[in-house]
């Protein structure tokens, strides 16, 4: 967090973007929100790896999050706390992680899904990223729209 702007004034967009990139790089877990084809929501915490502008997730194919992502590849993820949040909307595809990505995911998450037969990787491509702390930042919270950084 950039202390100069902590809880006193809205951070400039460039500062919020850098703080967001720092969170994506350093944070380990996100709340992942999915929905089934009939619209039933499901929320689950999952570890992630930020790599090449995408988030890499893994979970067992039999849990509702994986089933939802396979059937309906729209997702929302939230990282951080209520008063310092990064909210990501994106699309998902099932992928084979590269060796480097798999190793980096395992090192960051403290869990290696690669040797497990039923743990696919999911790549989230952000289409929209928002970040805010307090009400002062709500007006300018959108940092990425349609997959493009605004600043």
C-alpha atoms as a PDB file:
ATOM      1  CA  UNK A   1       0.000   0.000   0.000  1.00  0.00           C
ATOM      2  CA  UNK A   2       1.253   3.450  -0.830  1.00  0.00           C
ATOM      3  CA  UNK A   3       1.209   4.989   2.654  1.00  0.00           C
ATOM      4  CA  UNK A   4       1.114   8.558   1.364  1.00  0.00           C
ATOM      5  CA  UNK A   5      -2.449   7.970   0.128  1.00  0.00           C
ATOM      6  CA  UNK A   6      -3.611   5.539   2.806  1.00  0.00           C
ATOM      7  CA  UNK A   7      -7.156   6.279   3.952  1.00  0.00           C
ATOM      8  CA  UNK A   8      -6.876  10.058   3.528  1.00  0.00           C
ATOM      9  CA  UNK A   9      -7.423  10.827  -0.140  1.00  0.00           C
ATOM     10  CA  UNK A  10      -8.146   8.988  -3.334  1.00  0.00           C
ATOM     11  CA  UNK A  11      -4.995   7.567  -4.868  1.00  0.00           C
ATOM     12  CA  UNK A  12      -4.216   8.749  -8.378  1.00  0.00           C
ATOM     13  CA  UNK A  13      -5.038   6.143 -11.040  1.00  0.00           C
ATOM     14  CA  UNK A  14      -1.369   5.342 -11.644  1.00  0.00           C
ATOM     15  CA  UNK A  15      -0.831   4.638  -7.933  1.00  0.00           C
ATOM     16  CA  UNK A  16      -3.975   2.490  -7.710  1.00  0.00           C
ATOM     17  CA  UNK A  17      -2.864   0.543 -10.780  1.00  0.00           C
ATOM     18  CA  UNK A  18       0.598  -0.108  -9.311  1.00  0.00           C
ATOM     19  CA  UNK A  19      -0.915  -1.073  -5.946  1.00  0.00           C
ATOM     20  CA  UNK A  20      -3.256  -3.432  -7.810  1.00  0.00           C
ATOM     21  CA  UNK A  21      -0.400  -5.026  -9.750  1.00  0.00           C
ATOM     22  CA  UNK A  22       1.504  -5.444  -6.472  1.00  0.00           C
ATOM     23  CA  UNK A  23      -1.522  -7.199  -4.904  1.00  0.00           C
ATOM     24  CA  UNK A  24      -1.912  -9.475  -7.924  1.00  0.00           C
ATOM     25  CA  UNK A  25       1.764 -10.389  -7.724  1.00  0.00           C
ATOM     26  CA  UNK A  26       2.010 -10.862  -3.935  1.00  0.00           C
ATOM     27  CA  UNK A  27      -1.411 -11.974  -2.653  1.00  0.00           C
ATOM     28  CA  UNK A  28      -1.974 -15.728  -2.629  1.00  0.00           C
ATOM     29  CA  UNK A  29      -5.734 -16.225  -2.424  1.00  0.00           C
ATOM     30  CA  UNK A  30      -8.875 -14.800  -3.994  1.00  0.00           C
ATOM     31  CA  UNK A  31     -12.590 -15.281  -3.467  1.00  0.00           C
ATOM     32  CA  UNK A  32     -13.824 -16.813  -6.718  1.00  0.00           C
ATOM     33  CA  UNK A  33     -17.452 -16.306  -7.659  1.00  0.00           C
ATOM     34  CA  UNK A  34     -19.021 -18.527 -10.321  1.00  0.00           C
ATOM     35  CA  UNK A  35     -22.513 -19.462 -11.423  1.00  0.00           C
ATOM     36  CA  UNK A  36     -23.953 -22.605 -12.904  1.00  0.00           C
ATOM     37  CA  UNK A  37     -25.872 -22.474 -16.167  1.00  0.00           C
ATOM     38  CA  UNK A  38     -29.128 -22.183 -14.198  1.00  0.00           C
ATOM     39  CA  UNK A  39     -27.689 -19.167 -12.367  1.00  0.00           C
ATOM     40  CA  UNK A  40     -26.961 -20.807  -9.011  1.00  0.00           C
ATOM     41  CA  UNK A  41     -24.056 -18.843  -7.496  1.00  0.00           C
ATOM     42  CA  UNK A  42     -21.068 -20.406  -5.791  1.00  0.00           C
ATOM     43  CA  UNK A  43     -18.259 -18.684  -3.874  1.00  0.00           C
ATOM     44  CA  UNK A  44     -14.960 -20.338  -2.985  1.00  0.00           C
ATOM     45  CA  UNK A  45     -11.467 -19.197  -1.956  1.00  0.00           C
ATOM     46  CA  UNK A  46      -8.720 -20.372  -4.288  1.00  0.00           C
ATOM     47  CA  UNK A  47      -5.018 -19.686  -4.615  1.00  0.00           C
ATOM     48  CA  UNK A  48      -3.871 -17.942  -7.778  1.00  0.00           C
ATOM     49  CA  UNK A  49      -0.774 -17.027  -9.732  1.00  0.00           C
ATOM     50  CA  UNK A  50      -0.622 -13.731 -11.669  1.00  0.00           C
ATOM     51  CA  UNK A  51       1.266 -14.527 -14.867  1.00  0.00           C
ATOM     52  CA  UNK A  52       1.467 -12.637 -18.165  1.00  0.00           C
ATOM     53  CA  UNK A  53      -1.590 -10.527 -17.350  1.00  0.00           C
ATOM     54  CA  UNK A  54      -3.775 -13.495 -16.381  1.00  0.00           C
ATOM     55  CA  UNK A  55      -4.632 -15.368 -13.199  1.00  0.00           C
ATOM     56  CA  UNK A  56      -3.963 -19.088 -13.001  1.00  0.00           C
ATOM     57  CA  UNK A  57      -6.203 -21.152 -10.672  1.00  0.00           C
ATOM     58  CA  UNK A  58      -6.563 -24.845  -9.949  1.00  0.00           C
ATOM     59  CA  UNK A  59      -9.197 -26.867  -8.163  1.00  0.00           C
ATOM     60  CA  UNK A  60     -10.569 -30.368  -8.349  1.00  0.00           C
ATOM     61  CA  UNK A  61     -12.765 -30.958 -11.377  1.00  0.00           C
ATOM     62  CA  UNK A  62     -15.522 -32.350  -9.123  1.00  0.00           C
ATOM     63  CA  UNK A  63     -16.129 -29.222  -7.046  1.00  0.00           C
ATOM     64  CA  UNK A  64     -18.842 -26.704  -7.995  1.00  0.00           C
ATOM     65  CA  UNK A  65     -16.331 -23.991  -8.924  1.00  0.00           C
ATOM     66  CA  UNK A  66     -14.647 -26.178 -11.544  1.00  0.00           C
ATOM     67  CA  UNK A  67     -17.949 -27.487 -12.888  1.00  0.00           C
ATOM     68  CA  UNK A  68     -19.273 -23.925 -13.154  1.00  0.00           C
ATOM     69  CA  UNK A  69     -16.129 -22.623 -14.864  1.00  0.00           C
ATOM     70  CA  UNK A  70     -16.256 -25.424 -17.419  1.00  0.00           C
ATOM     71  CA  UNK A  71     -19.958 -24.849 -18.140  1.00  0.00           C
ATOM     72  CA  UNK A  72     -20.043 -21.052 -17.820  1.00  0.00           C
ATOM     73  CA  UNK A  73     -16.632 -19.420 -18.272  1.00  0.00           C
ATOM     74  CA  UNK A  74     -17.600 -16.082 -16.708  1.00  0.00           C
ATOM     75  CA  UNK A  75     -16.003 -15.366 -13.340  1.00  0.00           C
ATOM     76  CA  UNK A  76     -15.475 -12.683 -10.746  1.00  0.00           C
ATOM     77  CA  UNK A  77     -12.614 -12.726  -8.257  1.00  0.00           C
ATOM     78  CA  UNK A  78     -12.032 -10.499  -5.266  1.00  0.00           C
ATOM     79  CA  UNK A  79      -8.642 -10.009  -3.652  1.00  0.00           C
ATOM     80  CA  UNK A  80      -7.973  -8.134  -0.450  1.00  0.00           C
ATOM     81  CA  UNK A  81     -10.148  -6.735   2.244  1.00  0.00           C
ATOM     82  CA  UNK A  82     -13.364  -4.746   2.250  1.00  0.00           C
ATOM     83  CA  UNK A  83     -11.498  -1.439   2.514  1.00  0.00           C
ATOM     84  CA  UNK A  84      -8.681  -2.334   0.148  1.00  0.00           C
ATOM     85  CA  UNK A  85     -10.142  -4.480  -2.595  1.00  0.00           C
ATOM     86  CA  UNK A  86      -9.253  -5.563  -6.109  1.00  0.00           C
ATOM     87  CA  UNK A  87     -12.244  -6.874  -8.034  1.00  0.00           C
ATOM     88  CA  UNK A  88     -11.611  -8.778 -11.284  1.00  0.00           C
ATOM     89  CA  UNK A  89     -14.184  -9.781 -13.881  1.00  0.00           C
ATOM     90  CA  UNK A  90     -12.970 -12.155 -16.541  1.00  0.00           C
ATOM     91  CA  UNK A  91     -13.346 -15.132 -18.801  1.00  0.00           C
ATOM     92  CA  UNK A  92     -11.908 -18.566 -18.140  1.00  0.00           C
ATOM     93  CA  UNK A  93     -10.429 -21.388 -20.138  1.00  0.00           C
ATOM     94  CA  UNK A  94      -9.080 -24.757 -19.032  1.00  0.00           C
ATOM     95  CA  UNK A  95      -5.365 -24.872 -19.852  1.00  0.00           C
ATOM     96  CA  UNK A  96      -2.246 -26.922 -19.494  1.00  0.00           C
ATOM     97  CA  UNK A  97       0.087 -24.845 -17.356  1.00  0.00           C
ATOM     98  CA  UNK A  98       3.638 -24.567 -18.617  1.00  0.00           C
ATOM     99  CA  UNK A  99       6.314 -26.177 -16.454  1.00  0.00           C
ATOM    100  CA  UNK A 100       7.380 -22.723 -15.250  1.00  0.00           C
ATOM    101  CA  UNK A 101       3.794 -21.696 -14.446  1.00  0.00           C
ATOM    102  CA  UNK A 102       3.092 -24.958 -12.620  1.00  0.00           C
ATOM    103  CA  UNK A 103       6.239 -24.598 -10.525  1.00  0.00           C
ATOM    104  CA  UNK A 104       5.524 -20.926  -9.772  1.00  0.00           C
ATOM    105  CA  UNK A 105       1.915 -21.730  -8.836  1.00  0.00           C
ATOM    106  CA  UNK A 106       3.053 -24.519  -6.499  1.00  0.00           C
ATOM    107  CA  UNK A 107       5.698 -22.304  -4.870  1.00  0.00           C
ATOM    108  CA  UNK A 108       3.275 -19.415  -4.323  1.00  0.00           C
ATOM    109  CA  UNK A 109       0.228 -21.452  -3.258  1.00  0.00           C
ATOM    110  CA  UNK A 110       2.089 -24.015  -1.161  1.00  0.00           C
ATOM    111  CA  UNK A 111       0.122 -26.657  -3.070  1.00  0.00           C
ATOM    112  CA  UNK A 112       1.062 -28.478  -6.273  1.00  0.00           C
ATOM    113  CA  UNK A 113      -1.901 -29.737  -8.297  1.00  0.00           C
ATOM    114  CA  UNK A 114       0.260 -31.065 -11.154  1.00  0.00           C
ATOM    115  CA  UNK A 115       0.649 -34.649  -9.898  1.00  0.00           C
ATOM    116  CA  UNK A 116      -3.059 -34.912  -9.089  1.00  0.00           C
ATOM    117  CA  UNK A 117      -5.120 -36.467 -11.896  1.00  0.00           C
ATOM    118  CA  UNK A 118      -8.285 -34.456 -11.376  1.00  0.00           C
ATOM    119  CA  UNK A 119      -6.942 -30.897 -10.851  1.00  0.00           C
ATOM    120  CA  UNK A 120      -7.052 -28.866 -14.052  1.00  0.00           C
ATOM    121  CA  UNK A 121      -5.663 -25.368 -14.334  1.00  0.00           C
ATOM    122  CA  UNK A 122      -7.979 -22.497 -15.230  1.00  0.00           C
ATOM    123  CA  UNK A 123      -6.670 -19.315 -16.831  1.00  0.00           C
ATOM    124  CA  UNK A 124      -8.660 -16.162 -16.062  1.00  0.00           C
ATOM    125  CA  UNK A 125      -8.238 -13.382 -18.597  1.00  0.00           C
ATOM    126  CA  UNK A 126      -9.372 -10.137 -16.967  1.00  0.00           C
ATOM    127  CA  UNK A 127     -11.889  -8.056 -18.876  1.00  0.00           C
ATOM    128  CA  UNK A 128     -12.442  -5.527 -16.087  1.00  0.00           C
ATOM    129  CA  UNK A 129     -10.436  -4.674 -12.983  1.00  0.00           C
ATOM    130  CA  UNK A 130     -11.613  -2.325 -10.267  1.00  0.00           C
ATOM    131  CA  UNK A 131      -9.741  -1.244  -7.124  1.00  0.00           C
ATOM    132  CA  UNK A 132     -10.796   0.975  -4.258  1.00  0.00           C
ATOM    133  CA  UNK A 133     -10.266   1.580  -0.580  1.00  0.00           C
ATOM    134  CA  UNK A 134     -12.777   4.098   0.679  1.00  0.00           C
ATOM    135  CA  UNK A 135     -15.648   6.074  -0.773  1.00  0.00           C
ATOM    136  CA  UNK A 136     -13.195   8.646  -2.186  1.00  0.00           C
ATOM    137  CA  UNK A 137     -12.025   6.074  -4.730  1.00  0.00           C
ATOM    138  CA  UNK A 138     -15.373   4.662  -5.846  1.00  0.00           C
ATOM    139  CA  UNK A 139     -15.907   7.168  -8.649  1.00  0.00           C
ATOM    140  CA  UNK A 140     -12.604   6.259 -10.368  1.00  0.00           C
ATOM    141  CA  UNK A 141     -12.411   2.588  -9.316  1.00  0.00           C
ATOM    142  CA  UNK A 142     -12.290   1.102 -12.840  1.00  0.00           C
ATOM    143  CA  UNK A 143      -8.668   0.511 -13.870  1.00  0.00           C
ATOM    144  CA  UNK A 144      -9.267  -1.919 -16.746  1.00  0.00           C
ATOM    145  CA  UNK A 145     -12.212  -2.051 -19.128  1.00  0.00           C
ATOM    146  CA  UNK A 146     -12.721  -4.461 -22.034  1.00  0.00           C
ATOM    147  CA  UNK A 147      -9.357  -6.087 -21.232  1.00  0.00           C
ATOM    148  CA  UNK A 148      -7.377  -2.824 -21.560  1.00  0.00           C
ATOM    149  CA  UNK A 149      -5.752  -0.824 -18.801  1.00  0.00           C
ATOM    150  CA  UNK A 150      -7.163   2.699 -18.730  1.00  0.00           C
ATOM    151  CA  UNK A 151      -3.898   4.267 -17.608  1.00  0.00           C
END
